[in-house]
PDB file of N, CA and C in Angstrom:
ATOM      1  N   UNK A   1      -1.181  52.025 -41.228  1.00  0.00           N
ATOM      2  CA  UNK A   1      -2.610  51.902 -40.979  1.00  0.00           C
ATOM      3  C   UNK A   1      -3.353  52.345 -42.242  1.00  0.00           C
ATOM      4  N   UNK A   2      -4.308  51.555 -42.662  1.00  0.00           N
ATOM      5  CA  UNK A   2      -5.065  51.868 -43.876  1.00  0.00           C
ATOM      6  C   UNK A   2      -6.092  52.963 -43.583  1.00  0.00           C
ATOM      7  N   UNK A   3      -6.653  53.526 -44.629  1.00  0.00           N
ATOM      8  CA  UNK A   3      -7.672  54.569 -44.457  1.00  0.00           C
ATOM      9  C   UNK A   3      -8.921  53.999 -43.776  1.00  0.00           C
ATOM     10  N   UNK A   4      -9.237  52.736 -44.045  1.00  0.00           N
ATOM     11  CA  UNK A   4     -10.382  52.098 -43.389  1.00  0.00           C
ATOM     12  C   UNK A   4     -10.124  51.959 -41.890  1.00  0.00           C
ATOM     13  N   UNK A   5      -8.909  51.543 -41.533  1.00  0.00           N
ATOM     14  CA  UNK A   5      -8.557  51.414 -40.114  1.00  0.00           C
ATOM     15  C   UNK A   5      -8.584  52.771 -39.412  1.00  0.00           C
ATOM     16  N   UNK A   6      -8.105  53.809 -40.106  1.00  0.00           N
ATOM     17  CA  UNK A   6      -8.151  55.156 -39.536  1.00  0.00           C
ATOM     18  C   UNK A   6      -9.585  55.598 -39.300  1.00  0.00           C
ATOM     19  N   UNK A   7     -10.443  55.353 -40.276  1.00  0.00           N
ATOM     20  CA  UNK A   7     -11.857  55.725 -40.142  1.00  0.00           C
ATOM     21  C   UNK A   7     -12.511  54.949 -39.003  1.00  0.00           C
ATOM     22  N   UNK A   8     -12.186  53.653 -38.891  1.00  0.00           N
ATOM     23  CA  UNK A   8     -12.727  52.842 -37.796  1.00  0.00           C
ATOM     24  C   UNK A   8     -12.267  53.374 -36.446  1.00  0.00           C
ATOM     25  N   UNK A   9     -10.977  53.753 -36.341  1.00  0.00           N
ATOM     26  CA  UNK A   9     -10.460  54.317 -35.090  1.00  0.00           C
ATOM     27  C   UNK A   9     -11.149  55.632 -34.749  1.00  0.00           C
ATOM     28  N   UNK A  10     -11.364  56.467 -35.758  1.00  0.00           N
ATOM     29  CA  UNK A  10     -12.039  57.750 -35.527  1.00  0.00           C
ATOM     30  C   UNK A  10     -13.458  57.517 -35.019  1.00  0.00           C
ATOM     31  N   UNK A  11     -14.168  56.570 -35.622  1.00  0.00           N
ATOM     32  CA  UNK A  11     -15.527  56.236 -35.192  1.00  0.00           C
ATOM     33  C   UNK A  11     -15.507  55.707 -33.761  1.00  0.00           C
ATOM     34  N   UNK A  12     -14.542  54.859 -33.465  1.00  0.00           N
ATOM     35  CA  UNK A  12     -14.402  54.301 -32.128  1.00  0.00           C
ATOM     36  C   UNK A  12     -14.145  55.404 -31.105  1.00  0.00           C
ATOM     37  N   UNK A  13     -13.258  56.319 -31.432  1.00  0.00           N
ATOM     38  CA  UNK A  13     -12.934  57.407 -30.506  1.00  0.00           C
ATOM     39  C   UNK A  13     -14.138  58.315 -30.286  1.00  0.00           C
ATOM     40  N   UNK A  14     -14.909  58.576 -31.329  1.00  0.00           N
ATOM     41  CA  UNK A  14     -16.133  59.376 -31.173  1.00  0.00           C
ATOM     42  C   UNK A  14     -17.064  58.697 -30.167  1.00  0.00           C
ATOM     43  N   UNK A  15     -17.225  57.387 -30.281  1.00  0.00           N
ATOM     44  CA  UNK A  15     -18.061  56.645 -29.336  1.00  0.00           C
ATOM     45  C   UNK A  15     -17.501  56.672 -27.923  1.00  0.00           C
ATOM     46  N   UNK A  16     -16.193  56.570 -27.803  1.00  0.00           N
ATOM     47  CA  UNK A  16     -15.554  56.610 -26.481  1.00  0.00           C
ATOM     48  C   UNK A  16     -15.734  57.973 -25.839  1.00  0.00           C
ATOM     49  N   UNK A  17     -15.543  59.028 -26.609  1.00  0.00           N
ATOM     50  CA  UNK A  17     -15.734  60.385 -26.078  1.00  0.00           C
ATOM     51  C   UNK A  17     -17.176  60.566 -25.613  1.00  0.00           C
ATOM     52  N   UNK A  18     -18.134  60.075 -26.397  1.00  0.00           N
ATOM     53  CA  UNK A  18     -19.542  60.166 -25.996  1.00  0.00           C
ATOM     54  C   UNK A  18     -19.768  59.421 -24.681  1.00  0.00           C
ATOM     55  N   UNK A  19     -19.147  58.252 -24.530  1.00  0.00           N
ATOM     56  CA  UNK A  19     -19.275  57.487 -23.284  1.00  0.00           C
ATOM     57  C   UNK A  19     -18.639  58.233 -22.120  1.00  0.00           C
ATOM     58  N   UNK A  20     -17.475  58.821 -22.350  1.00  0.00           N
ATOM     59  CA  UNK A  20     -16.792  59.568 -21.287  1.00  0.00           C
ATOM     60  C   UNK A  20     -17.604  60.784 -20.845  1.00  0.00           C
ATOM     61  N   UNK A  21     -18.367  61.340 -21.761  1.00  0.00           N
ATOM     62  CA  UNK A  21     -19.199  62.507 -21.410  1.00  0.00           C
ATOM     63  C   UNK A  21     -20.378  62.125 -20.517  1.00  0.00           C
ATOM     64  N   UNK A  22     -20.593  60.826 -20.290  1.00  0.00           N
ATOM     65  CA  UNK A  22     -21.650  60.399 -19.361  1.00  0.00           C
ATOM     66  C   UNK A  22     -21.126  60.260 -17.934  1.00  0.00           C
ATOM     67  N   UNK A  23     -19.808  60.387 -17.768  1.00  0.00           N
ATOM     68  CA  UNK A  23     -19.177  60.275 -16.446  1.00  0.00           C
ATOM     69  C   UNK A  23     -18.917  61.684 -15.929  1.00  0.00           C
ATOM     70  N   UNK A  24     -19.447  61.976 -14.741  1.00  0.00           N
ATOM     71  CA  UNK A  24     -19.321  63.322 -14.183  1.00  0.00           C
ATOM     72  C   UNK A  24     -18.461  63.336 -12.929  1.00  0.00           C
ATOM     73  N   UNK A  25     -17.711  64.400 -12.782  1.00  0.00           N
ATOM     74  CA  UNK A  25     -16.953  64.622 -11.557  1.00  0.00           C
ATOM     75  C   UNK A  25     -17.962  64.941 -10.464  1.00  0.00           C
ATOM     76  N   UNK A  26     -17.919  64.244  -9.327  1.00  0.00           N
ATOM     77  CA  UNK A  26     -18.928  64.474  -8.296  1.00  0.00           C
ATOM     78  C   UNK A  26     -18.829  65.840  -7.609  1.00  0.00           C
ATOM     79  N   UNK A  27     -17.664  66.478  -7.694  1.00  0.00           N
ATOM     80  CA  UNK A  27     -17.498  67.777  -7.036  1.00  0.00           C
ATOM     81  C   UNK A  27     -17.842  68.940  -7.949  1.00  0.00           C
ATOM     82  N   UNK A  28     -17.711  68.732  -9.247  1.00  0.00           N
ATOM     83  CA  UNK A  28     -18.025  69.761 -10.243  1.00  0.00           C
ATOM     84  C   UNK A  28     -19.043  69.124 -11.185  1.00  0.00           C
ATOM     85  N   UNK A  29     -20.205  69.708 -11.338  1.00  0.00           N
ATOM     86  CA  UNK A  29     -21.258  69.053 -12.135  1.00  0.00           C
ATOM     87  C   UNK A  29     -21.002  69.104 -13.643  1.00  0.00           C
ATOM     88  N   UNK A  30     -19.857  68.560 -14.047  1.00  0.00           N
ATOM     89  CA  UNK A  30     -19.443  68.599 -15.452  1.00  0.00           C
ATOM     90  C   UNK A  30     -18.850  67.234 -15.793  1.00  0.00           C
ATOM     91  N   UNK A  31     -19.029  66.811 -17.040  1.00  0.00           N
ATOM     92  CA  UNK A  31     -18.453  65.526 -17.436  1.00  0.00           C
ATOM     93  C   UNK A  31     -16.925  65.607 -17.487  1.00  0.00           C
ATOM     94  N   UNK A  32     -16.295  64.463 -17.260  1.00  0.00           N
ATOM     95  CA  UNK A  32     -14.839  64.430 -17.116  1.00  0.00           C
ATOM     96  C   UNK A  32     -14.096  64.734 -18.420  1.00  0.00           C
ATOM     97  N   UNK A  33     -14.727  64.484 -19.565  1.00  0.00           N
ATOM     98  CA  UNK A  33     -14.058  64.773 -20.830  1.00  0.00           C
ATOM     99  C   UNK A  33     -13.958  66.283 -21.048  1.00  0.00           C
ATOM    100  N   UNK A  34     -15.084  66.979 -20.931  1.00  0.00           N
ATOM    101  CA  UNK A  34     -15.075  68.424 -21.153  1.00  0.00           C
ATOM    102  C   UNK A  34     -14.377  69.170 -20.019  1.00  0.00           C
ATOM    103  N   UNK A  35     -14.266  68.523 -18.876  1.00  0.00           N
ATOM    104  CA  UNK A  35     -13.524  69.106 -17.757  1.00  0.00           C
ATOM    105  C   UNK A  35     -12.016  69.042 -18.013  1.00  0.00           C
ATOM    106  N   UNK A  36     -11.611  68.218 -18.978  1.00  0.00           N
ATOM    107  CA  UNK A  36     -10.198  68.121 -19.334  1.00  0.00           C
ATOM    108  C   UNK A  36      -9.435  67.086 -18.528  1.00  0.00           C
ATOM    109  N   UNK A  37     -10.152  66.129 -17.938  1.00  0.00           N
ATOM    110  CA  UNK A  37      -9.485  65.113 -17.124  1.00  0.00           C
ATOM    111  C   UNK A  37      -8.939  63.947 -17.944  1.00  0.00           C
ATOM    112  N   UNK A  38      -9.345  63.838 -19.205  1.00  0.00           N
ATOM    113  CA  UNK A  38      -8.863  62.761 -20.062  1.00  0.00           C
ATOM    114  C   UNK A  38      -7.665  63.278 -20.858  1.00  0.00           C
ATOM    115  N   UNK A  39      -6.518  62.652 -20.637  1.00  0.00           N
ATOM    116  CA  UNK A  39      -5.282  63.088 -21.303  1.00  0.00           C
ATOM    117  C   UNK A  39      -4.974  62.283 -22.563  1.00  0.00           C
ATOM    118  N   UNK A  40      -5.403  61.014 -22.598  1.00  0.00           N
ATOM    119  CA  UNK A  40      -5.057  60.174 -23.757  1.00  0.00           C
ATOM    120  C   UNK A  40      -6.091  59.071 -23.908  1.00  0.00           C
ATOM    121  N   UNK A  41      -6.496  58.847 -25.169  1.00  0.00           N
ATOM    122  CA  UNK A  41      -7.347  57.714 -25.540  1.00  0.00           C
ATOM    123  C   UNK A  41      -6.603  56.993 -26.650  1.00  0.00           C
ATOM    124  N   UNK A  42      -6.215  55.749 -26.399  1.00  0.00           N
ATOM    125  CA  UNK A  42      -5.409  55.014 -27.380  1.00  0.00           C
ATOM    126  C   UNK A  42      -6.018  53.651 -27.676  1.00  0.00           C
ATOM    127  N   UNK A  43      -6.684  53.520 -28.836  1.00  0.00           N
ATOM    128  CA  UNK A  43      -7.174  52.203 -29.249  1.00  0.00           C
ATOM    129  C   UNK A  43      -6.001  51.298 -29.619  1.00  0.00           C
ATOM    130  N   UNK A  44      -6.049  50.081 -29.150  1.00  0.00           N
ATOM    131  CA  UNK A  44      -5.018  49.084 -29.447  1.00  0.00           C
ATOM    132  C   UNK A  44      -5.676  47.901 -30.159  1.00  0.00           C
ATOM    133  N   UNK A  45      -4.857  46.963 -30.597  1.00  0.00           N
ATOM    134  CA  UNK A  45      -5.381  45.777 -31.273  1.00  0.00           C
ATOM    135  C   UNK A  45      -6.312  44.991 -30.361  1.00  0.00           C
ATOM    136  N   UNK A  46      -7.288  44.357 -30.961  1.00  0.00           N
ATOM    137  CA  UNK A  46      -8.180  43.467 -30.226  1.00  0.00           C
ATOM    138  C   UNK A  46      -9.232  44.160 -29.386  1.00  0.00           C
ATOM    139  N   UNK A  47      -9.443  45.446 -29.601  1.00  0.00           N
ATOM    140  CA  UNK A  47     -10.485  46.156 -28.862  1.00  0.00           C
ATOM    141  C   UNK A  47     -10.062  46.718 -27.526  1.00  0.00           C
ATOM    142  N   UNK A  48      -8.755  46.642 -27.218  1.00  0.00           N
ATOM    143  CA  UNK A  48      -8.240  47.241 -25.984  1.00  0.00           C
ATOM    144  C   UNK A  48      -8.175  48.755 -26.149  1.00  0.00           C
ATOM    145  N   UNK A  49      -8.656  49.457 -25.143  1.00  0.00           N
ATOM    146  CA  UNK A  49      -8.571  50.920 -25.128  1.00  0.00           C
ATOM    147  C   UNK A  49      -7.773  51.330 -23.906  1.00  0.00           C
ATOM    148  N   UNK A  50      -6.702  52.076 -24.133  1.00  0.00           N
ATOM    149  CA  UNK A  50      -5.911  52.627 -23.039  1.00  0.00           C
ATOM    150  C   UNK A  50      -6.313  54.079 -22.850  1.00  0.00           C
ATOM    151  N   UNK A  51      -6.575  54.434 -21.595  1.00  0.00           N
ATOM    152  CA  UNK A  51      -6.977  55.805 -21.274  1.00  0.00           C
ATOM    153  C   UNK A  51      -6.094  56.309 -20.145  1.00  0.00           C
ATOM    154  N   UNK A  52      -5.512  57.481 -20.345  1.00  0.00           N
ATOM    155  CA  UNK A  52      -4.809  58.177 -19.273  1.00  0.00           C
ATOM    156  C   UNK A  52      -5.717  59.302 -18.819  1.00  0.00           C
ATOM    157  N   UNK A  53      -5.940  59.370 -17.527  1.00  0.00           N
ATOM    158  CA  UNK A  53      -6.775  60.439 -16.996  1.00  0.00           C
ATOM    159  C   UNK A  53      -6.167  60.969 -15.712  1.00  0.00           C
ATOM    160  N   UNK A  54      -6.635  62.114 -15.299  1.00  0.00           N
ATOM    161  CA  UNK A  54      -6.182  62.718 -14.057  1.00  0.00           C
ATOM    162  C   UNK A  54      -7.396  63.107 -13.236  1.00  0.00           C
ATOM    163  N   UNK A  55      -7.145  63.756 -12.135  1.00  0.00           N
ATOM    164  CA  UNK A  55      -8.204  64.237 -11.247  1.00  0.00           C
ATOM    165  C   UNK A  55      -8.015  65.739 -11.047  1.00  0.00           C
ATOM    166  N   UNK A  56      -9.076  66.418 -10.631  1.00  0.00           N
ATOM    167  CA  UNK A  56      -8.940  67.857 -10.392  1.00  0.00           C
ATOM    168  C   UNK A  56      -8.026  68.116  -9.198  1.00  0.00           C
ATOM    169  N   UNK A  57      -7.958  67.142  -8.273  1.00  0.00           N
ATOM    170  CA  UNK A  57      -7.072  67.259  -7.110  1.00  0.00           C
ATOM    171  C   UNK A  57      -6.545  65.863  -6.773  1.00  0.00           C
ATOM    172  N   UNK A  58      -5.257  65.724  -6.474  1.00  0.00           N
ATOM    173  CA  UNK A  58      -4.687  64.412  -6.181  1.00  0.00           C
ATOM    174  C   UNK A  58      -5.364  63.682  -5.021  1.00  0.00           C
ATOM    175  N   UNK A  59      -5.923  64.392  -4.079  1.00  0.00           N
ATOM    176  CA  UNK A  59      -6.556  63.759  -2.926  1.00  0.00           C
ATOM    177  C   UNK A  59      -8.031  63.485  -3.102  1.00  0.00           C
ATOM    178  N   UNK A  60      -8.501  63.415  -4.325  1.00  0.00           N
ATOM    179  CA  UNK A  60      -9.923  63.196  -4.609  1.00  0.00           C
ATOM    180  C   UNK A  60     -10.419  61.939  -3.897  1.00  0.00           C
ATOM    181  N   UNK A  61     -11.447  62.065  -3.073  1.00  0.00           N
ATOM    182  CA  UNK A  61     -11.922  60.913  -2.301  1.00  0.00           C
ATOM    183  C   UNK A  61     -12.590  59.813  -3.131  1.00  0.00           C
ATOM    184  N   UNK A  62     -12.977  60.107  -4.363  1.00  0.00           N
ATOM    185  CA  UNK A  62     -13.624  59.089  -5.196  1.00  0.00           C
ATOM    186  C   UNK A  62     -12.740  58.652  -6.360  1.00  0.00           C
ATOM    187  N   UNK A  63     -11.427  58.802  -6.230  1.00  0.00           N
ATOM    188  CA  UNK A  63     -10.507  58.484  -7.323  1.00  0.00           C
ATOM    189  C   UNK A  63     -10.711  57.060  -7.830  1.00  0.00           C
ATOM    190  N   UNK A  64     -10.706  56.085  -6.939  1.00  0.00           N
ATOM    191  CA  UNK A  64     -10.878  54.691  -7.351  1.00  0.00           C
ATOM    192  C   UNK A  64     -12.213  54.451  -8.027  1.00  0.00           C
ATOM    193  N   UNK A  65     -13.250  55.083  -7.502  1.00  0.00           N
ATOM    194  CA  UNK A  65     -14.577  54.931  -8.098  1.00  0.00           C
ATOM    195  C   UNK A  65     -14.636  55.535  -9.489  1.00  0.00           C
ATOM    196  N   UNK A  66     -13.993  56.685  -9.671  1.00  0.00           N
ATOM    197  CA  UNK A  66     -14.017  57.338 -10.984  1.00  0.00           C
ATOM    198  C   UNK A  66     -13.383  56.455 -12.049  1.00  0.00           C
ATOM    199  N   UNK A  67     -12.300  55.766 -11.696  1.00  0.00           N
ATOM    200  CA  UNK A  67     -11.659  54.869 -12.660  1.00  0.00           C
ATOM    201  C   UNK A  67     -12.628  53.772 -13.095  1.00  0.00           C
ATOM    202  N   UNK A  68     -13.366  53.223 -12.142  1.00  0.00           N
ATOM    203  CA  UNK A  68     -14.329  52.168 -12.506  1.00  0.00           C
ATOM    204  C   UNK A  68     -15.501  52.747 -13.283  1.00  0.00           C
ATOM    205  N   UNK A  69     -15.910  53.971 -13.001  1.00  0.00           N
ATOM    206  CA  UNK A  69     -16.977  54.613 -13.778  1.00  0.00           C
ATOM    207  C   UNK A  69     -16.545  54.749 -15.240  1.00  0.00           C
ATOM    208  N   UNK A  70     -15.291  55.152 -15.438  1.00  0.00           N
ATOM    209  CA  UNK A  70     -14.761  55.302 -16.800  1.00  0.00           C
ATOM    210  C   UNK A  70     -14.745  53.946 -17.497  1.00  0.00           C
ATOM    211  N   UNK A  71     -14.224  52.926 -16.818  1.00  0.00           N
ATOM    212  CA  UNK A  71     -14.186  51.581 -17.404  1.00  0.00           C
ATOM    213  C   UNK A  71     -15.586  51.114 -17.802  1.00  0.00           C
ATOM    214  N   UNK A  72     -16.542  51.268 -16.897  1.00  0.00           N
ATOM    215  CA  UNK A  72     -17.907  50.806 -17.156  1.00  0.00           C
ATOM    216  C   UNK A  72     -18.542  51.544 -18.338  1.00  0.00           C
ATOM    217  N   UNK A  73     -18.288  52.838 -18.453  1.00  0.00           N
ATOM    218  CA  UNK A  73     -18.863  53.614 -19.557  1.00  0.00           C
ATOM    219  C   UNK A  73     -18.243  53.208 -20.892  1.00  0.00           C
ATOM    220  N   UNK A  74     -16.924  53.087 -20.934  1.00  0.00           N
ATOM    221  CA  UNK A  74     -16.222  52.844 -22.194  1.00  0.00           C
ATOM    222  C   UNK A  74     -16.395  51.405 -22.673  1.00  0.00           C
ATOM    223  N   UNK A  75     -16.492  50.442 -21.775  1.00  0.00           N
ATOM    224  CA  UNK A  75     -16.631  49.039 -22.181  1.00  0.00           C
ATOM    225  C   UNK A  75     -17.931  48.807 -22.943  1.00  0.00           C
ATOM    226  N   UNK A  76     -18.909  49.702 -22.775  1.00  0.00           N
ATOM    227  CA  UNK A  76     -20.194  49.585 -23.474  1.00  0.00           C
ATOM    228  C   UNK A  76     -20.125  50.031 -24.931  1.00  0.00           C
ATOM    229  N   UNK A  77     -19.031  50.671 -25.324  1.00  0.00           N
ATOM    230  CA  UNK A  77     -18.899  51.165 -26.700  1.00  0.00           C
ATOM    231  C   UNK A  77     -18.655  49.984 -27.643  1.00  0.00           C
ATOM    232  N   UNK A  78     -19.379  49.975 -28.753  1.00  0.00           N
ATOM    233  CA  UNK A  78     -19.239  48.916 -29.747  1.00  0.00           C
ATOM    234  C   UNK A  78     -17.792  48.857 -30.237  1.00  0.00           C
ATOM    235  N   UNK A  79     -17.199  47.664 -30.169  1.00  0.00           N
ATOM    236  CA  UNK A  79     -15.822  47.472 -30.621  1.00  0.00           C
ATOM    237  C   UNK A  79     -14.807  47.450 -29.496  1.00  0.00           C
ATOM    238  N   UNK A  80     -15.230  47.838 -28.300  1.00  0.00           N
ATOM    239  CA  UNK A  80     -14.328  47.841 -27.148  1.00  0.00           C
ATOM    240  C   UNK A  80     -14.491  46.511 -26.407  1.00  0.00           C
ATOM    241  N   UNK A  81     -13.363  45.845 -26.162  1.00  0.00           N
ATOM    242  CA  UNK A  81     -13.403  44.575 -25.442  1.00  0.00           C
ATOM    243  C   UNK A  81     -12.735  44.666 -24.072  1.00  0.00           C
ATOM    244  N   UNK A  82     -11.858  45.646 -23.910  1.00  0.00           N
ATOM    245  CA  UNK A  82     -11.134  45.806 -22.651  1.00  0.00           C
ATOM    246  C   UNK A  82     -10.740  47.265 -22.494  1.00  0.00           C
ATOM    247  N   UNK A  83     -10.768  47.755 -21.256  1.00  0.00           N
ATOM    248  CA  UNK A  83     -10.408  49.141 -20.977  1.00  0.00           C
ATOM    249  C   UNK A  83      -9.344  49.151 -19.888  1.00  0.00           C
ATOM    250  N   UNK A  84      -8.248  49.835 -20.160  1.00  0.00           N
ATOM    251  CA  UNK A  84      -7.177  49.997 -19.175  1.00  0.00           C
ATOM    252  C   UNK A  84      -7.055  51.487 -18.864  1.00  0.00           C
ATOM    253  N   UNK A  85      -7.464  51.870 -17.662  1.00  0.00           N
ATOM    254  CA  UNK A  85      -7.431  53.279 -17.262  1.00  0.00           C
ATOM    255  C   UNK A  85      -6.243  53.486 -16.330  1.00  0.00           C
ATOM    256  N   UNK A  86      -5.424  54.461 -16.673  1.00  0.00           N
ATOM    257  CA  UNK A  86      -4.271  54.782 -15.843  1.00  0.00           C
ATOM    258  C   UNK A  86      -4.444  56.191 -15.305  1.00  0.00           C
ATOM    259  N   UNK A  87      -4.247  56.336 -14.009  1.00  0.00           N
ATOM    260  CA  UNK A  87      -4.326  57.631 -13.349  1.00  0.00           C
ATOM    261  C   UNK A  87      -2.955  58.290 -13.411  1.00  0.00           C
ATOM    262  N   UNK A  88      -2.900  59.495 -13.959  1.00  0.00           N
ATOM    263  CA  UNK A  88      -1.635  60.232 -14.086  1.00  0.00           C
ATOM    264  C   UNK A  88      -1.801  61.623 -13.485  1.00  0.00           C
ATOM    265  N   UNK A  89      -0.706  62.171 -13.008  1.00  0.00           N
ATOM    266  CA  UNK A  89      -0.753  63.518 -12.432  1.00  0.00           C
ATOM    267  C   UNK A  89       0.254  64.459 -13.079  1.00  0.00           C
ATOM    268  N   UNK A  90       0.811  64.027 -14.200  1.00  0.00           N
ATOM    269  CA  UNK A  90       1.765  64.863 -14.913  1.00  0.00           C
ATOM    270  C   UNK A  90       1.354  64.922 -16.371  1.00  0.00           C
ATOM    271  N   UNK A  91       0.971  66.065 -16.882  1.00  0.00           N
ATOM    272  CA  UNK A  91       0.985  67.362 -16.217  1.00  0.00           C
ATOM    273  C   UNK A  91      -0.183  67.502 -15.243  1.00  0.00           C
ATOM    274  N   UNK A  92      -0.005  68.318 -14.226  1.00  0.00           N
ATOM    275  CA  UNK A  92      -1.103  68.542 -13.283  1.00  0.00           C
ATOM    276  C   UNK A  92      -2.287  69.198 -13.992  1.00  0.00           C
ATOM    277  N   UNK A  93      -3.486  68.822 -13.574  1.00  0.00           N
ATOM    278  CA  UNK A  93      -4.686  69.421 -14.154  1.00  0.00           C
ATOM    279  C   UNK A  93      -4.832  70.856 -13.663  1.00  0.00           C
ATOM    280  N   UNK A  94      -5.301  71.726 -14.540  1.00  0.00           N
ATOM    281  CA  UNK A  94      -5.727  73.067 -14.138  1.00  0.00           C
ATOM    282  C   UNK A  94      -6.890  73.478 -15.035  1.00  0.00           C
ATOM    283  N   UNK A  95      -7.541  74.547 -14.685  1.00  0.00           N
ATOM    284  CA  UNK A  95      -8.777  74.943 -15.374  1.00  0.00           C
ATOM    285  C   UNK A  95      -8.577  75.272 -16.855  1.00  0.00           C
ATOM    286  N   UNK A  96      -7.348  75.488 -17.296  1.00  0.00           N
ATOM    287  CA  UNK A  96      -7.123  75.781 -18.719  1.00  0.00           C
ATOM    288  C   UNK A  96      -7.427  74.570 -19.600  1.00  0.00           C
ATOM    289  N   UNK A  97      -7.530  73.385 -19.018  1.00  0.00           N
ATOM    290  CA  UNK A  97      -7.827  72.159 -19.776  1.00  0.00           C
ATOM    291  C   UNK A  97      -9.320  72.013 -20.059  1.00  0.00           C
ATOM    292  N   UNK A  98     -10.155  72.804 -19.409  1.00  0.00           N
ATOM    293  CA  UNK A  98     -11.606  72.725 -19.618  1.00  0.00           C
ATOM    294  C   UNK A  98     -11.971  73.254 -21.000  1.00  0.00           C
ATOM    295  N   UNK A  99     -13.049  72.709 -21.558  1.00  0.00           N
ATOM    296  CA  UNK A  99     -13.557  73.246 -22.819  1.00  0.00           C
ATOM    297  C   UNK A  99     -14.138  74.639 -22.547  1.00  0.00           C
ATOM    298  N   UNK A 100     -14.225  75.448 -23.594  1.00  0.00           N
ATOM    299  CA  UNK A 100     -14.784  76.794 -23.439  1.00  0.00           C
ATOM    300  C   UNK A 100     -16.233  76.748 -22.967  1.00  0.00           C
ATOM    301  N   UNK A 101     -16.992  75.742 -23.429  1.00  0.00           N
ATOM    302  CA  UNK A 101     -18.384  75.606 -22.987  1.00  0.00           C
ATOM    303  C   UNK A 101     -18.465  75.417 -21.474  1.00  0.00           C
ATOM    304  N   UNK A 102     -17.567  74.595 -20.932  1.00  0.00           N
ATOM    305  CA  UNK A 102     -17.555  74.352 -19.487  1.00  0.00           C
ATOM    306  C   UNK A 102     -17.133  75.610 -18.740  1.00  0.00           C
ATOM    307  N   UNK A 103     -16.129  76.299 -19.247  1.00  0.00           N
ATOM    308  CA  UNK A 103     -15.690  77.544 -18.607  1.00  0.00           C
ATOM    309  C   UNK A 103     -16.842  78.541 -18.553  1.00  0.00           C
ATOM    310  N   UNK A 104     -17.603  78.637 -19.652  1.00  0.00           N
ATOM    311  CA  UNK A 104     -18.744  79.525 -19.708  1.00  0.00           C
ATOM    312  C   UNK A 104     -19.824  79.092 -18.705  1.00  0.00           C
ATOM    313  N   UNK A 105     -20.100  77.778 -18.686  1.00  0.00           N
ATOM    314  CA  UNK A 105     -21.109  77.230 -17.782  1.00  0.00           C
ATOM    315  C   UNK A 105     -20.757  77.498 -16.309  1.00  0.00           C
ATOM    316  N   UNK A 106     -19.467  77.438 -15.993  1.00  0.00           N
ATOM    317  CA  UNK A 106     -19.028  77.648 -14.614  1.00  0.00           C
ATOM    318  C   UNK A 106     -18.719  79.108 -14.293  1.00  0.00           C
ATOM    319  N   UNK A 107     -18.950  79.996 -15.270  1.00  0.00           N
ATOM    320  CA  UNK A 107     -18.734  81.421 -15.047  1.00  0.00           C
ATOM    321  C   UNK A 107     -17.271  81.829 -15.069  1.00  0.00           C
ATOM    322  N   UNK A 108     -16.447  81.070 -15.764  1.00  0.00           N
ATOM    323  CA  UNK A 108     -15.018  81.379 -15.824  1.00  0.00           C
ATOM    324  C   UNK A 108     -14.636  82.155 -17.076  1.00  0.00           C
ATOM    325  N   UNK A 109     -15.601  82.405 -17.951  1.00  0.00           N
ATOM    326  CA  UNK A 109     -15.345  83.205 -19.167  1.00  0.00           C
ATOM    327  C   UNK A 109     -16.151  84.465 -19.139  1.00  0.00           C
TER     328      UNK A 109
END
């Protein structure tokens, strides 16, 4: 990968992260990125973005909706043509995945 391609990927990922920060977990008033629910963001050829994400609890009643919220947010990013979101539960999510800002906001620090 050339330095230009690396820079383009970095710019793309910054935009994707910003888009993911607009999606909030309905049970915890925090965006899913800073909550630590996004495990992998992988730009592929042709504008495809693969995202692995999890939920705070496997029985989340809005799991299907959250996947579509992520797709809708990320597809709006310049350079993205397709979004493939995969729900994963390994490793299981726990509060250690949250950003320090979120931990502070929720009174966990």
